[in-house]
Amino acid sequence: MDTENKVNTQRALGAFVGGAVGDALGAPFEFKAGGLYSSTFPERVVGEVGEMTGGGGWSPGEFTDDTQMAIALAESLIANHGINSADIWERWRAWASSAKDVGILTRQALSAESHDGAARAAEVSNGGKSAGNGSVMRNTPIALFLFDQPLPVVIESAIEQSALTHNDPQAGFGAAIHAAMICAGIQGADMFGAIEDALELLPVEARETWGPLLSDAWSPSESQLTNGTVWTCLAQAVWALRTSSTFEEAVTKAIDLGDDADTVGCVAGSLAGARWGIQAIPSRWSTYLNGAVATPLDNGDIEERTYNYNAL
């Protein structure tokens, strides 16, 4: 393996494992006040499970629906050699049948009989709102599978997977920008420059909305919406990446913002992993990763598969 490909592999692995680490590390702090992570762990915890303490119904190191959906998406991309909306849909439905936690909008969409029109129906049921962070949290496999493809292909695929559950175009725009940044990171390119590259290919409304949110002038103090929305979630994750010099710093900064801490941690972790590679992820975190995803079989049955760090 040549050096360039090795670096690409390390960063690709870093993006996926980094997202899972941020997810599992942030899970106990979900819907909690900002600053709780830093007050709980004022210093690094070395030994046993470290800061991977679990809580809120999650075991130490257990990743949540953020990573579970990403695994299902990744397995669909591999099985179909590309994006196949019908197959992704069936895998997510199988996963949701026994998942501990499924987002409200996602559950509503996956309860439909077909993926056609499901996101729109869920949006209506949710009072016309569907710009949540659920489609960006699971998005990393799109970038990993397509990182060497032209950027328009990456953007189109990110928007397509987003639209399966989130009808608001802004959710898709967020996923597209996230995918562009991951692709750039894997290739050792400028991840912040990739934001501009993506916006050039998106509608004017995307540039007007996302440009200020993802600029180096933005900070979490400017948030007017919760990080349960795609806007604030991605903005906080990019801010954490932009203002950090290590994977650990970026992820803990993101989680310490509170509220939807596991998802912001997941998105920040995927970006940070793509930037610094899997070797930058503390082993005291990655070692304890674990979780399960229900997967549909060819005979119509559903099988629950377990995953740990070595299987991701």
C-alpha atoms as a PDB file:
ATOM      1  CA  MET A   1       0.000   0.000   0.000  1.00  0.00           C
ATOM      2  CA  ASP A   2       1.507   3.348  -0.976  1.00  0.00           C
ATOM      3  CA  THR A   3       1.739   6.202   1.511  1.00  0.00           C
ATOM      4  CA  GLU A   4      -1.110   8.216  -0.004  1.00  0.00           C
ATOM      5  CA  ASN A   5      -3.536   5.296   0.106  1.00  0.00           C
ATOM      6  CA  LYS A   6      -2.470   4.484   3.655  1.00  0.00           C
ATOM      7  CA  VAL A   7      -3.235   8.028   4.740  1.00  0.00           C
ATOM      8  CA  ASN A   8      -6.584   7.870   2.967  1.00  0.00           C
ATOM      9  CA  THR A   9      -7.421   4.625   4.770  1.00  0.00           C
ATOM     10  CA  GLN A  10      -6.416   6.013   8.152  1.00  0.00           C
ATOM     11  CA  ARG A  11      -8.569   9.085   7.639  1.00  0.00           C
ATOM     12  CA  ALA A  12     -11.508   7.106   6.283  1.00  0.00           C
ATOM     13  CA  LEU A  13     -11.389   4.792   9.289  1.00  0.00           C
ATOM     14  CA  GLY A  14     -10.986   7.839  11.489  1.00  0.00           C
ATOM     15  CA  ALA A  15     -14.148   9.408  10.091  1.00  0.00           C
ATOM     16  CA  PHE A  16     -16.308   6.364  10.794  1.00  0.00           C
ATOM     17  CA  VAL A  17     -14.804   5.332  14.126  1.00  0.00           C
ATOM     18  CA  GLY A  18     -14.544   8.980  15.157  1.00  0.00           C
ATOM     19  CA  GLY A  19     -18.255   9.444  14.622  1.00  0.00           C
ATOM     20  CA  ALA A  20     -19.023   6.348  16.687  1.00  0.00           C
ATOM     21  CA  VAL A  21     -16.713   7.510  19.481  1.00  0.00           C
ATOM     22  CA  GLY A  22     -18.301  10.959  19.635  1.00  0.00           C
ATOM     23  CA  ASP A  23     -21.729   9.346  19.624  1.00  0.00           C
ATOM     24  CA  ALA A  24     -21.001   6.903  22.463  1.00  0.00           C
ATOM     25  CA  LEU A  25     -19.077   9.462  24.506  1.00  0.00           C
ATOM     26  CA  GLY A  26     -21.865  12.007  24.190  1.00  0.00           C
ATOM     27  CA  ALA A  27     -24.778   9.626  24.791  1.00  0.00           C
ATOM     28  CA  PRO A  28     -24.869  10.025  28.612  1.00  0.00           C
ATOM     29  CA  PHE A  29     -24.993  13.806  28.184  1.00  0.00           C
ATOM     30  CA  GLU A  30     -27.864  13.911  25.690  1.00  0.00           C
ATOM     31  CA  PHE A  31     -30.495  16.512  26.591  1.00  0.00           C
ATOM     32  CA  LYS A  32     -28.331  17.739  29.465  1.00  0.00           C
ATOM     33  CA  ALA A  33     -27.049  21.253  30.095  1.00  0.00           C
ATOM     34  CA  GLY A  34     -23.902  22.543  28.472  1.00  0.00           C
ATOM     35  CA  GLY A  35     -20.714  22.277  30.508  1.00  0.00           C
ATOM     36  CA  LEU A  36     -21.702  18.993  32.152  1.00  0.00           C
ATOM     37  CA  TYR A  37     -19.070  16.919  30.376  1.00  0.00           C
ATOM     38  CA  SER A  38     -16.204  19.173  31.466  1.00  0.00           C
ATOM     39  CA  SER A  39     -17.502  19.368  35.027  1.00  0.00           C
ATOM     40  CA  THR A  40     -17.918  15.581  35.183  1.00  0.00           C
ATOM     41  CA  PHE A  41     -14.459  14.961  33.738  1.00  0.00           C
ATOM     42  CA  PRO A  42     -12.259  17.950  34.643  1.00  0.00           C
ATOM     43  CA  GLU A  43      -9.242  15.751  33.873  1.00  0.00           C
ATOM     44  CA  ARG A  44      -8.638  12.793  31.595  1.00  0.00           C
ATOM     45  CA  VAL A  45      -9.731   9.472  33.054  1.00  0.00           C
ATOM     46  CA  VAL A  46      -7.201   6.739  32.359  1.00  0.00           C
ATOM     47  CA  GLY A  47      -8.017   3.127  33.187  1.00  0.00           C
ATOM     48  CA  GLU A  48     -11.062   0.872  32.999  1.00  0.00           C
ATOM     49  CA  VAL A  49     -13.641   2.481  30.660  1.00  0.00           C
ATOM     50  CA  GLY A  50     -12.223   5.990  30.997  1.00  0.00           C
ATOM     51  CA  GLU A  51     -14.893   8.578  30.239  1.00  0.00           C
ATOM     52  CA  MET A  52     -16.982   5.964  28.391  1.00  0.00           C
ATOM     53  CA  THR A  53     -19.195   5.564  31.441  1.00  0.00           C
ATOM     54  CA  GLY A  54     -22.511   5.010  29.701  1.00  0.00           C
ATOM     55  CA  GLY A  55     -25.801   6.244  31.107  1.00  0.00           C
ATOM     56  CA  GLY A  56     -29.255   7.246  29.972  1.00  0.00           C
ATOM     57  CA  GLY A  57     -30.027   3.672  28.977  1.00  0.00           C
ATOM     58  CA  TRP A  58     -26.713   3.147  27.170  1.00  0.00           C
ATOM     59  CA  SER A  59     -23.945   0.799  28.297  1.00  0.00           C
ATOM     60  CA  PRO A  60     -20.353   2.063  28.547  1.00  0.00           C
ATOM     61  CA  GLY A  61     -19.094   2.599  25.005  1.00  0.00           C
ATOM     62  CA  GLU A  62     -22.433   1.783  23.385  1.00  0.00           C
ATOM     63  CA  PHE A  63     -23.202   3.856  20.313  1.00  0.00           C
ATOM     64  CA  THR A  64     -26.719   5.130  19.614  1.00  0.00           C
ATOM     65  CA  ASP A  65     -29.054   5.433  16.646  1.00  0.00           C
ATOM     66  CA  ASP A  66     -26.606   7.878  15.040  1.00  0.00           C
ATOM     67  CA  THR A  67     -24.031   5.162  14.407  1.00  0.00           C
ATOM     68  CA  GLN A  68     -26.566   2.355  14.058  1.00  0.00           C
ATOM     69  CA  MET A  69     -28.164   4.058  11.069  1.00  0.00           C
ATOM     70  CA  ALA A  70     -24.729   4.789   9.609  1.00  0.00           C
ATOM     71  CA  ILE A  71     -23.813   1.094   9.811  1.00  0.00           C
ATOM     72  CA  ALA A  72     -27.031   0.126   8.023  1.00  0.00           C
ATOM     73  CA  LEU A  73     -26.344   2.753   5.352  1.00  0.00           C
ATOM     74  CA  ALA A  74     -22.756   1.555   4.921  1.00  0.00           C
ATOM     75  CA  GLU A  75     -23.831  -2.062   4.526  1.00  0.00           C
ATOM     76  CA  SER A  76     -26.366  -1.054   1.882  1.00  0.00           C
ATOM     77  CA  LEU A  77     -23.783   0.929  -0.077  1.00  0.00           C
ATOM     78  CA  ILE A  78     -21.410  -2.038  -0.033  1.00  0.00           C
ATOM     79  CA  ALA A  79     -24.063  -4.607  -0.950  1.00  0.00           C
ATOM     80  CA  ASN A  80     -25.409  -2.525  -3.836  1.00  0.00           C
ATOM     81  CA  HIS A  81     -22.131  -0.986  -5.014  1.00  0.00           C
ATOM     82  CA  GLY A  82     -23.734   2.412  -4.577  1.00  0.00           C
ATOM     83  CA  ILE A  83     -26.822   4.137  -3.284  1.00  0.00           C
ATOM     84  CA  ASN A  84     -30.094   2.200  -3.514  1.00  0.00           C
ATOM     85  CA  SER A  85     -32.888   4.051  -1.752  1.00  0.00           C
ATOM     86  CA  ALA A  86     -35.238   1.074  -1.534  1.00  0.00           C
ATOM     87  CA  ASP A  87     -32.570  -1.119   0.054  1.00  0.00           C
ATOM     88  CA  ILE A  88     -31.458   1.578   2.494  1.00  0.00           C
ATOM     89  CA  TRP A  89     -35.076   2.051   3.467  1.00  0.00           C
ATOM     90  CA  GLU A  90     -35.602  -1.654   4.195  1.00  0.00           C
ATOM     91  CA  ARG A  91     -32.430  -1.840   6.256  1.00  0.00           C
ATOM     92  CA  TRP A  92     -33.473   1.163   8.317  1.00  0.00           C
ATOM     93  CA  ARG A  93     -36.930  -0.306   8.823  1.00  0.00           C
ATOM     94  CA  ALA A  94     -35.398  -3.551  10.063  1.00  0.00           C
ATOM     95  CA  TRP A  95     -33.120  -1.592  12.380  1.00  0.00           C
ATOM     96  CA  ALA A  96     -35.995   0.502  13.747  1.00  0.00           C
ATOM     97  CA  SER A  97     -38.009  -2.610  14.580  1.00  0.00           C
ATOM     98  CA  SER A  98     -35.867  -3.259  17.659  1.00  0.00           C
ATOM     99  CA  ALA A  99     -33.782  -0.110  18.156  1.00  0.00           C
ATOM    100  CA  LYS A 100     -33.563   1.370  21.651  1.00  0.00           C
ATOM    101  CA  ASP A 101     -34.082   4.867  20.353  1.00  0.00           C
ATOM    102  CA  VAL A 102     -35.368   6.233  17.054  1.00  0.00           C
ATOM    103  CA  GLY A 103     -35.830   9.928  16.339  1.00  0.00           C
ATOM    104  CA  ILE A 104     -39.443  11.082  16.127  1.00  0.00           C
ATOM    105  CA  LEU A 105     -39.293  12.218  12.503  1.00  0.00           C
ATOM    106  CA  THR A 106     -37.325   9.150  11.422  1.00  0.00           C
ATOM    107  CA  ARG A 107     -39.747   6.787  13.136  1.00  0.00           C
ATOM    108  CA  GLN A 108     -42.682   8.522  11.472  1.00  0.00           C
ATOM    109  CA  ALA A 109     -41.049   8.231   8.053  1.00  0.00           C
ATOM    110  CA  LEU A 110     -40.065   4.588   8.491  1.00  0.00           C
ATOM    111  CA  SER A 111     -43.591   3.662   9.554  1.00  0.00           C
ATOM    112  CA  ALA A 112     -44.821   4.308   5.996  1.00  0.00           C
ATOM    113  CA  GLU A 113     -45.442   1.395   3.649  1.00  0.00           C
ATOM    114  CA  SER A 114     -42.947   2.677   1.067  1.00  0.00           C
ATOM    115  CA  HIS A 115     -40.059   5.117   0.923  1.00  0.00           C
ATOM    116  CA  ASP A 116     -41.882   7.033  -1.817  1.00  0.00           C
ATOM    117  CA  GLY A 117     -43.467  10.061  -0.156  1.00  0.00           C
ATOM    118  CA  ALA A 118     -42.647   8.862   3.356  1.00  0.00           C
ATOM    119  CA  ALA A 119     -40.528  11.873   4.291  1.00  0.00           C
ATOM    120  CA  ARG A 120     -43.192  14.316   3.157  1.00  0.00           C
ATOM    121  CA  ALA A 121     -45.869  12.499   5.144  1.00  0.00           C
ATOM    122  CA  ALA A 122     -43.648  12.504   8.221  1.00  0.00           C
ATOM    123  CA  GLU A 123     -43.024  16.224   7.806  1.00  0.00           C
ATOM    124  CA  VAL A 124     -46.762  16.901   7.737  1.00  0.00           C
ATOM    125  CA  SER A 125     -47.259  14.741  10.834  1.00  0.00           C
ATOM    126  CA  ASN A 126     -44.485  16.683  12.540  1.00  0.00           C
ATOM    127  CA  GLY A 127     -46.146  20.045  12.034  1.00  0.00           C
ATOM    128  CA  GLY A 128     -44.296  20.894   8.837  1.00  0.00           C
ATOM    129  CA  LYS A 129     -40.850  20.607  10.411  1.00  0.00           C
ATOM    130  CA  SER A 130     -38.213  18.214   9.090  1.00  0.00           C
ATOM    131  CA  ALA A 131     -34.873  20.022   9.291  1.00  0.00           C
ATOM    132  CA  GLY A 132     -33.570  17.892  12.141  1.00  0.00           C
ATOM    133  CA  ASN A 133     -30.032  16.578  12.452  1.00  0.00           C
ATOM    134  CA  GLY A 134     -31.006  12.943  11.848  1.00  0.00           C
ATOM    135  CA  SER A 135     -29.776  12.758   8.279  1.00  0.00           C
ATOM    136  CA  VAL A 136     -26.382  14.365   8.875  1.00  0.00           C
ATOM    137  CA  MET A 137     -25.565  12.134  11.861  1.00  0.00           C
ATOM    138  CA  ARG A 138     -25.718   8.964   9.705  1.00  0.00           C
ATOM    139  CA  ASN A 139     -24.156  10.502   6.599  1.00  0.00           C
ATOM    140  CA  THR A 140     -20.458   9.574   6.844  1.00  0.00           C
ATOM    141  CA  PRO A 141     -20.666   6.350   4.761  1.00  0.00           C
ATOM    142  CA  ILE A 142     -21.722   8.397   1.727  1.00  0.00           C
ATOM    143  CA  ALA A 143     -18.393  10.222   1.821  1.00  0.00           C
ATOM    144  CA  LEU A 144     -16.391   7.081   2.541  1.00  0.00           C
ATOM    145  CA  PHE A 145     -17.903   5.229  -0.389  1.00  0.00           C
ATOM    146  CA  LEU A 146     -17.665   8.130  -2.841  1.00  0.00           C
ATOM    147  CA  PHE A 147     -14.651  10.156  -1.681  1.00  0.00           C
ATOM    148  CA  ASP A 148     -12.833   9.674  -5.006  1.00  0.00           C
ATOM    149  CA  GLN A 149     -15.866  10.582  -7.115  1.00  0.00           C
ATOM    150  CA  PRO A 150     -16.693  14.057  -8.502  1.00  0.00           C
ATOM    151  CA  LEU A 151     -18.160  16.317  -5.830  1.00  0.00           C
ATOM    152  CA  PRO A 152     -21.558  16.663  -7.584  1.00  0.00           C
ATOM    153  CA  VAL A 153     -21.997  12.879  -7.256  1.00  0.00           C
ATOM    154  CA  VAL A 154     -21.206  13.039  -3.543  1.00  0.00           C
ATOM    155  CA  ILE A 155     -23.624  15.909  -2.994  1.00  0.00           C
ATOM    156  CA  GLU A 156     -26.424  14.249  -4.928  1.00  0.00           C
ATOM    157  CA  SER A 157     -26.037  11.021  -2.946  1.00  0.00           C
ATOM    158  CA  ALA A 158     -25.946  12.792   0.424  1.00  0.00           C
ATOM    159  CA  ILE A 159     -29.132  14.650  -0.442  1.00  0.00           C
ATOM    160  CA  GLU A 160     -30.754  11.424  -1.643  1.00  0.00           C
ATOM    161  CA  GLN A 161     -30.139   9.548   1.601  1.00  0.00           C
ATOM    162  CA  SER A 162     -31.278  12.568   3.605  1.00  0.00           C
ATOM    163  CA  ALA A 163     -34.541  12.830   1.677  1.00  0.00           C
ATOM    164  CA  LEU A 164     -35.583   9.322   2.704  1.00  0.00           C
ATOM    165  CA  THR A 165     -36.619  10.658   6.118  1.00  0.00           C
ATOM    166  CA  HIS A 166     -36.124  14.436   6.060  1.00  0.00           C
ATOM    167  CA  ASN A 167     -38.156  16.339   3.489  1.00  0.00           C
ATOM    168  CA  ASP A 168     -36.717  19.786   4.222  1.00  0.00           C
ATOM    169  CA  PRO A 169     -34.028  20.597   1.605  1.00  0.00           C
ATOM    170  CA  GLN A 170     -31.918  22.205   4.332  1.00  0.00           C
ATOM    171  CA  ALA A 171     -31.360  18.797   5.938  1.00  0.00           C
ATOM    172  CA  GLY A 172     -30.022  17.568   2.617  1.00  0.00           C
ATOM    173  CA  PHE A 173     -27.839  20.644   2.185  1.00  0.00           C
ATOM    174  CA  GLY A 174     -26.301  19.998   5.605  1.00  0.00           C
ATOM    175  CA  ALA A 175     -25.610  16.374   4.714  1.00  0.00           C
ATOM    176  CA  ALA A 176     -24.062  17.463   1.411  1.00  0.00           C
ATOM    177  CA  ILE A 177     -21.697  19.921   3.090  1.00  0.00           C
ATOM    178  CA  HIS A 178     -20.757  17.344   5.718  1.00  0.00           C
ATOM    179  CA  ALA A 179     -19.985  14.764   3.023  1.00  0.00           C
ATOM    180  CA  ALA A 180     -17.879  17.261   1.080  1.00  0.00           C
ATOM    181  CA  MET A 181     -15.830  18.018   4.184  1.00  0.00           C
ATOM    182  CA  ILE A 182     -15.257  14.323   4.936  1.00  0.00           C
ATOM    183  CA  CYS A 183     -14.153  13.686   1.347  1.00  0.00           C
ATOM    184  CA  ALA A 184     -11.693  16.554   1.540  1.00  0.00           C
ATOM    185  CA  GLY A 185     -10.332  15.347   4.853  1.00  0.00           C
ATOM    186  CA  ILE A 186      -9.762  11.815   3.594  1.00  0.00           C
ATOM    187  CA  GLN A 187      -7.784  13.198   0.664  1.00  0.00           C
ATOM    188  CA  GLY A 188      -5.745  15.532   2.849  1.00  0.00           C
ATOM    189  CA  ALA A 189      -7.374  18.601   1.311  1.00  0.00           C
ATOM    190  CA  ASP A 190      -8.742  21.742   2.972  1.00  0.00           C
ATOM    191  CA  MET A 191     -11.902  20.699   4.819  1.00  0.00           C
ATOM    192  CA  PHE A 192     -13.029  24.285   5.341  1.00  0.00           C
ATOM    193  CA  GLY A 193     -12.434  25.083   1.693  1.00  0.00           C
ATOM    194  CA  ALA A 194     -14.705  22.136   0.924  1.00  0.00           C
ATOM    195  CA  ILE A 195     -17.573  24.051   2.519  1.00  0.00           C
ATOM    196  CA  GLU A 196     -17.255  26.707  -0.162  1.00  0.00           C
ATOM    197  CA  ASP A 197     -16.873  24.054  -2.863  1.00  0.00           C
ATOM    198  CA  ALA A 198     -20.129  22.435  -1.779  1.00  0.00           C
ATOM    199  CA  LEU A 199     -21.998  25.732  -1.534  1.00  0.00           C
ATOM    200  CA  GLU A 200     -20.971  26.566  -5.092  1.00  0.00           C
ATOM    201  CA  LEU A 201     -22.911  23.490  -6.234  1.00  0.00           C
ATOM    202  CA  LEU A 202     -25.969  24.022  -4.040  1.00  0.00           C
ATOM    203  CA  PRO A 203     -28.903  26.419  -4.559  1.00  0.00           C
ATOM    204  CA  VAL A 204     -28.550  30.074  -3.603  1.00  0.00           C
ATOM    205  CA  GLU A 205     -30.742  29.503  -0.552  1.00  0.00           C
ATOM    206  CA  ALA A 206     -28.131  27.089   0.797  1.00  0.00           C
ATOM    207  CA  ARG A 207     -25.318  29.610   0.446  1.00  0.00           C
ATOM    208  CA  GLU A 208     -27.378  32.323   2.129  1.00  0.00           C
ATOM    209  CA  THR A 209     -28.239  30.077   5.061  1.00  0.00           C
ATOM    210  CA  TRP A 210     -25.092  28.033   5.543  1.00  0.00           C
ATOM    211  CA  GLY A 211     -22.405  30.559   4.612  1.00  0.00           C
ATOM    212  CA  PRO A 212     -22.637  32.600   7.834  1.00  0.00           C
ATOM    213  CA  LEU A 213     -23.219  29.526  10.030  1.00  0.00           C
ATOM    214  CA  LEU A 214     -20.068  27.769   8.866  1.00  0.00           C
ATOM    215  CA  SER A 215     -17.781  30.793   8.676  1.00  0.00           C
ATOM    216  CA  ASP A 216     -14.818  31.254  10.998  1.00  0.00           C
ATOM    217  CA  ALA A 217     -16.650  34.190  12.589  1.00  0.00           C
ATOM    218  CA  TRP A 218     -19.492  32.029  13.963  1.00  0.00           C
ATOM    219  CA  SER A 219     -19.532  30.729  17.530  1.00  0.00           C
ATOM    220  CA  PRO A 220     -22.054  28.673  19.548  1.00  0.00           C
ATOM    221  CA  SER A 221     -23.096  31.797  21.450  1.00  0.00           C
ATOM    222  CA  GLU A 222     -24.848  32.894  18.261  1.00  0.00           C
ATOM    223  CA  SER A 223     -27.091  29.810  18.151  1.00  0.00           C
ATOM    224  CA  GLN A 224     -30.759  30.738  17.981  1.00  0.00           C
ATOM    225  CA  LEU A 225     -31.985  27.174  17.422  1.00  0.00           C
ATOM    226  CA  THR A 226     -31.215  23.989  19.345  1.00  0.00           C
ATOM    227  CA  ASN A 227     -28.580  21.613  18.063  1.00  0.00           C
ATOM    228  CA  GLY A 228     -31.371  19.182  17.338  1.00  0.00           C
ATOM    229  CA  THR A 229     -31.721  21.139  14.095  1.00  0.00           C
ATOM    230  CA  VAL A 230     -29.379  20.455  11.201  1.00  0.00           C
ATOM    231  CA  TRP A 231     -28.217  24.085  11.116  1.00  0.00           C
ATOM    232  CA  THR A 232     -26.947  24.359  14.672  1.00  0.00           C
ATOM    233  CA  CYS A 233     -25.736  20.761  14.855  1.00  0.00           C
ATOM    234  CA  LEU A 234     -23.415  21.074  11.868  1.00  0.00           C
ATOM    235  CA  ALA A 235     -22.403  24.630  12.776  1.00  0.00           C
ATOM    236  CA  GLN A 236     -21.361  23.538  16.269  1.00  0.00           C
ATOM    237  CA  ALA A 237     -19.456  20.533  14.925  1.00  0.00           C
ATOM    238  CA  VAL A 238     -17.588  22.666  12.379  1.00  0.00           C
ATOM    239  CA  TRP A 239     -16.835  25.257  15.065  1.00  0.00           C
ATOM    240  CA  ALA A 240     -15.407  22.532  17.314  1.00  0.00           C
ATOM    241  CA  LEU A 241     -13.224  21.283  14.464  1.00  0.00           C
ATOM    242  CA  ARG A 242     -12.091  24.768  13.467  1.00  0.00           C
ATOM    243  CA  THR A 243     -11.095  25.793  16.991  1.00  0.00           C
ATOM    244  CA  SER A 244      -9.323  22.576  18.006  1.00  0.00           C
ATOM    245  CA  SER A 245      -5.889  21.104  17.399  1.00  0.00           C
ATOM    246  CA  THR A 246      -6.637  17.461  18.286  1.00  0.00           C
ATOM    247  CA  PHE A 247      -9.411  14.912  17.869  1.00  0.00           C
ATOM    248  CA  GLU A 248      -9.951  14.775  21.615  1.00  0.00           C
ATOM    249  CA  GLU A 249     -10.324  18.534  21.922  1.00  0.00           C
ATOM    250  CA  ALA A 250     -12.814  18.771  19.052  1.00  0.00           C
ATOM    251  CA  VAL A 251     -15.072  15.991  20.319  1.00  0.00           C
ATOM    252  CA  THR A 252     -15.105  17.074  23.949  1.00  0.00           C
ATOM    253  CA  LYS A 253     -15.796  20.677  22.943  1.00  0.00           C
ATOM    254  CA  ALA A 254     -18.771  19.519  20.888  1.00  0.00           C
ATOM    255  CA  ILE A 255     -20.199  17.280  23.597  1.00  0.00           C
ATOM    256  CA  ASP A 256     -19.741  19.966  26.235  1.00  0.00           C
ATOM    257  CA  LEU A 257     -22.235  22.164  24.362  1.00  0.00           C
ATOM    258  CA  GLY A 258     -24.957  19.892  25.750  1.00  0.00           C
ATOM    259  CA  ASP A 259     -28.504  19.257  24.498  1.00  0.00           C
ATOM    260  CA  ASP A 260     -28.241  16.764  21.586  1.00  0.00           C
ATOM    261  CA  ALA A 261     -24.709  16.009  22.718  1.00  0.00           C
ATOM    262  CA  ASP A 262     -24.367  12.562  21.193  1.00  0.00           C
ATOM    263  CA  THR A 263     -25.252  13.769  17.711  1.00  0.00           C
ATOM    264  CA  VAL A 264     -23.067  16.869  17.797  1.00  0.00           C
ATOM    265  CA  GLY A 265     -20.319  14.642  19.193  1.00  0.00           C
ATOM    266  CA  CYS A 266     -20.907  12.158  16.385  1.00  0.00           C
ATOM    267  CA  VAL A 267     -20.757  14.775  13.628  1.00  0.00           C
ATOM    268  CA  ALA A 268     -17.730  16.487  15.164  1.00  0.00           C
ATOM    269  CA  GLY A 269     -16.052  13.103  15.636  1.00  0.00           C
ATOM    270  CA  SER A 270     -16.539  12.165  12.004  1.00  0.00           C
ATOM    271  CA  LEU A 271     -15.030  15.459  10.851  1.00  0.00           C
ATOM    272  CA  ALA A 272     -12.151  15.284  13.316  1.00  0.00           C
ATOM    273  CA  GLY A 273     -11.445  11.664  12.415  1.00  0.00           C
ATOM    274  CA  ALA A 274     -11.296  12.565   8.739  1.00  0.00           C
ATOM    275  CA  ARG A 275      -8.909  15.402   9.531  1.00  0.00           C
ATOM    276  CA  TRP A 276      -6.479  13.674  11.897  1.00  0.00           C
ATOM    277  CA  GLY A 277      -7.006   9.975  11.179  1.00  0.00           C
ATOM    278  CA  ILE A 278      -7.827   6.960  13.301  1.00  0.00           C
ATOM    279  CA  GLN A 279      -4.420   7.071  14.978  1.00  0.00           C
ATOM    280  CA  ALA A 280      -5.464  10.360  16.633  1.00  0.00           C
ATOM    281  CA  ILE A 281      -8.478   8.800  18.385  1.00  0.00           C
ATOM    282  CA  PRO A 282      -7.670   7.906  22.011  1.00  0.00           C
ATOM    283  CA  SER A 283      -7.661   4.132  22.453  1.00  0.00           C
ATOM    284  CA  ARG A 284      -9.253   4.551  25.880  1.00  0.00           C
ATOM    285  CA  TRP A 285     -12.385   5.540  23.943  1.00  0.00           C
ATOM    286  CA  SER A 286     -12.315   3.445  20.794  1.00  0.00           C
ATOM    287  CA  THR A 287     -11.510   0.195  22.608  1.00  0.00           C
ATOM    288  CA  TYR A 288     -14.881   0.117  24.339  1.00  0.00           C
ATOM    289  CA  LEU A 289     -17.130   0.843  21.360  1.00  0.00           C
ATOM    290  CA  ASN A 290     -20.029  -1.582  21.083  1.00  0.00           C
ATOM    291  CA  GLY A 291     -23.573  -1.807  19.759  1.00  0.00           C
ATOM    292  CA  ALA A 292     -26.073  -3.805  17.748  1.00  0.00           C
ATOM    293  CA  VAL A 293     -28.030  -3.295  14.532  1.00  0.00           C
ATOM    294  CA  ALA A 294     -30.974  -5.393  13.346  1.00  0.00           C
ATOM    295  CA  THR A 295     -30.400  -6.356   9.699  1.00  0.00           C
ATOM    296  CA  PRO A 296     -32.856  -7.831   7.145  1.00  0.00           C
ATOM    297  CA  LEU A 297     -31.940 -11.213   5.643  1.00  0.00           C
ATOM    298  CA  ASP A 298     -32.727 -12.497   2.161  1.00  0.00           C
ATOM    299  CA  ASN A 299     -35.308 -14.943   3.557  1.00  0.00           C
ATOM    300  CA  GLY A 300     -37.304 -12.132   5.143  1.00  0.00           C
ATOM    301  CA  ASP A 301     -36.045 -12.673   8.686  1.00  0.00           C
ATOM    302  CA  ILE A 302     -34.275 -10.027  10.739  1.00  0.00           C
ATOM    303  CA  GLU A 303     -30.954 -10.751  12.421  1.00  0.00           C
ATOM    304  CA  GLU A 304     -29.413  -8.655  15.162  1.00  0.00           C
ATOM    305  CA  ARG A 305     -25.703  -8.198  14.554  1.00  0.00           C
ATOM    306  CA  THR A 306     -23.334  -6.968  17.219  1.00  0.00           C
ATOM    307  CA  TYR A 307     -20.391  -4.678  16.564  1.00  0.00           C
ATOM    308  CA  ASN A 308     -17.314  -3.579  18.445  1.00  0.00           C
ATOM    309  CA  TYR A 309     -14.272  -1.496  17.577  1.00  0.00           C
ATOM    310  CA  ASN A 310     -12.684  -4.242  15.495  1.00  0.00           C
ATOM    311  CA  ALA A 311     -15.873  -4.785  13.476  1.00  0.00           C
ATOM    312  CA  LEU A 312     -16.460  -1.160  12.528  1.00  0.00           C
END
